[in-house]
Amino acid sequence: MSRGASVFITLFLISMMMLINTPLGVFSPAAANQGSHYPYHPSDDVIKNALEYLKSKQAIDGGIGGFAVTCWVAMAVSAADEKPSSWGLLDYLRENIDRIDAEKATDWERVTLAITACGENPREFGGIDFVEKIQSFYDGTQIGNPANLYDDYFGILALISAGIDKNESIIQNTKLYIISKQNPDGGWGDADSTAAAIMALMASGQNSESAVINDALSFLKTLQTNNGGFQSWGVANAASTAWAVLAIVAAGQDPTSVDWRTNGFSPIDFLLTLQQRNGCFNWSIHQSLNPEWMTSYVIPALLGKPYPIEIYESEYGEDGNDDSGNGNNGENDVDEDEYEWRGNIRIEGQNGTIWNGEVSLSDSLITALNESSGETEEYYIPYPSVLGALDEASHQGGFSYFVVYYPSWDAFYVKTIAGESDWWHYWVDYTLPMVDAGHYKLTENEEEVLWGYLEDWSAHALRIKVSKNTVNVFEKFTVTVYNESLSPVENAVVYVDSSEYLTDENGNVTLSLSVAGDYEIYAEKNGYVRSEKTTVHVEKVVEIVKPADNAVYLWNKKTKIPYCGILILGHIDIEVETIDDVEKVEFYVDDKLEYTDTEQPFEWRLNQKSFFKKTTIKAKAYIMDNDDTFHTIRQLLMYIDLLSEKYSTIRVFDALKTHLQSLKESILSQNSFADEKEVVVLNLFPCIHRGD
């Protein structure tokens, strides 16, 4: 046997031993090819493959995995923007209603969620009023068996999906019952139950910033394992992880954010490792249980669509009568076609931004103090209004506001927002209207509402524009501050994180930033409402791109083996990406300079003897100064080289060149930037790779 073959076998056996003794996830084609964008889209392969798997498992009668599982499949199909009816699932549910256990509230609730996901009316599906069935289990405090909280979770979700208002007593009382059963650790026993509780509470109007939700999310975090998944029965699995993801999304958080990562892995990463080549999802890394069921749970989780998937809306109220005129005491009646306004609302308080986000509304029910009667009353506004947008934002943002209604003027006055009183102004697309917020009807062409606190009757608002949103280190860019009419504003304070700058007579500030990162930029000035916030991304001067994070390399080739960290077997070419102005890159191993590269692309081969040694590799880049000095030195060095070739006997050129080189290096040393990574290296015979 040749020496090369012997080395190959030795390294191969060592690699296999490491894999056997290291808890790694199962390789998933979806995980490798899809990337980490979230939420996924129905057109993504991971979703299409999962749907194709479910379709392949459909029985002749239309069911998939049995009656109960078919309900969850219907919800998954609807979440993926496909029609369950085109799959035959609606007919299957209608023809198999007799499989419902009439004594179990959860059976009625699960089927109700499936019916509404199919876009059908749960009050008359198959000749049965499912809402009435669920309500029959309500004892005035909770739904179904007091010892079983799942009929309370699903009860809330099912009733809301059926169009029952979340403020109805059955919803709110059941919500309070669920909260009363929260354990001191913040959870409701396990990951699945806690996740279901969070979804039910959020659907019923619980504030995402409340202690109840924060404690529940903190409890969920304690059940997250090192591979990003959530465990029950001591094992991270698809069901618990999918439900945890749905709860996290329902609470307004991103399951791929750093808060939901362990060892660099998110719950989405874990779910992707469970997908098999046929599209289904295993229960755990090493076990397949009820793949149709697991797949139907994971699809909504990857799409970021918590339960209920759909909410059935009828043009008639629960009593069968048209509700469109109720609740406004005969005031503000507008006989116009209803439409939904979607846009952004930003609320700038005296000392900071109170809320900024997207809202949608078609009408609103406003609670206001009647100035004439002194009574608090409800006023129905049958169109999307600025006041309605504020109301919707308050529900999403968890802040309060207080309105006074003046009957003699038929006007709504917003007195306080988030505790700040009396000096509130509003703009629509930076135009200051001359009508109260309740009577301003938002049109489909209008995009943004701004509420601003300003103790001045002459109200003005700042706007900002940056010349570039992505720049290199030391690259100049301009921030321009305008008023609401796009006239430049002089002496406005521009905030760049914690630094402050003043605008010139043209409203401009020219900046260059020396540290890579994301910078939040906004402007303030006395007599103006604070501007919107924008972000400028300053790119790294140098970044090690090979080896990539969380990867295994075998003789310079990246494998598809999941790994937490960087493992290098054999040699590897260290590759870096830099900005254009980089003059040279130095490569270090454990702070020892190994190589200097002065030409793009900058790279160096790490080929040193090592036995599972943890090593720090560092790339240090030097950039050219942006002033004229550096460029002048470079030009002088070029001229000296030309003169030296012609007048080789003149020694003064060598001395001058040495001096200029030293000066150049001195300038470069003041503008150096580094990136480093920790790797584990196994390379027993580095010499055999030198000729590769």
Foldseek 3Di string as FASTA:
>chain_A
DDPVVVVVVVLVVVVVVVVVPDDFFAFFPCLVPVDDDPQDALVRPLNVLLLLLQLVQQDPLLAHLDDLLLLLLLQLCLLNVHASVVSVSLVSCLVVVVVQPLQDLVSLLSNLLSCLSNQHQCCQRNHHGSLVSQVVQDPQQAGHDLVDLVSLLSSLLSVQLNVDQLPDSHNVSSLVSLLVCQDPQLANPFLQRLLSNLLSNLSSQDQLPDPSNVSSLVSQLVQQDQQAAGDDPRARFLQSLLSNLLSCLSSPHHQQDPVRHHLNHGSVSLQSSQADPSSWGAGHSPGRDSRSSSSSSNSCSSNNQHGSNHHHDDCADPVRHHPLPPFAVPPQDDPDDWDKAKAWEWEFEPPGTQDIDIDIDRWDWDWAQEPVPRDTGIHTNRGDWQVRVVVRRCSRRVWDWYWYAYVVVRAIDTADTNRDGDQKFKDWLLHGDPGHRSPHGDDRVTHYMYIFGAPDPPAKAKEKDKPAQEEEAQDKIKIAIAISVRQGDFQKWKDWPPDTDTAHPRRMDIDGHHDFDKTWIWTDDHRYGTYDIDIHGYDAQKDWVPPPFQFEADQQRTDSTGGSGYEYEAKHKTWMDGDPQWQKKFKDKQNHTDDIGRDPPDIDMDQDAAAQDWIKIKIKTFGADPDVPLVVLVVVLVVLVVVCVVVVPDCVSVVVNVVSVVVNVVNRVVRMDMDMGIYTYHHHDSVVPPVD
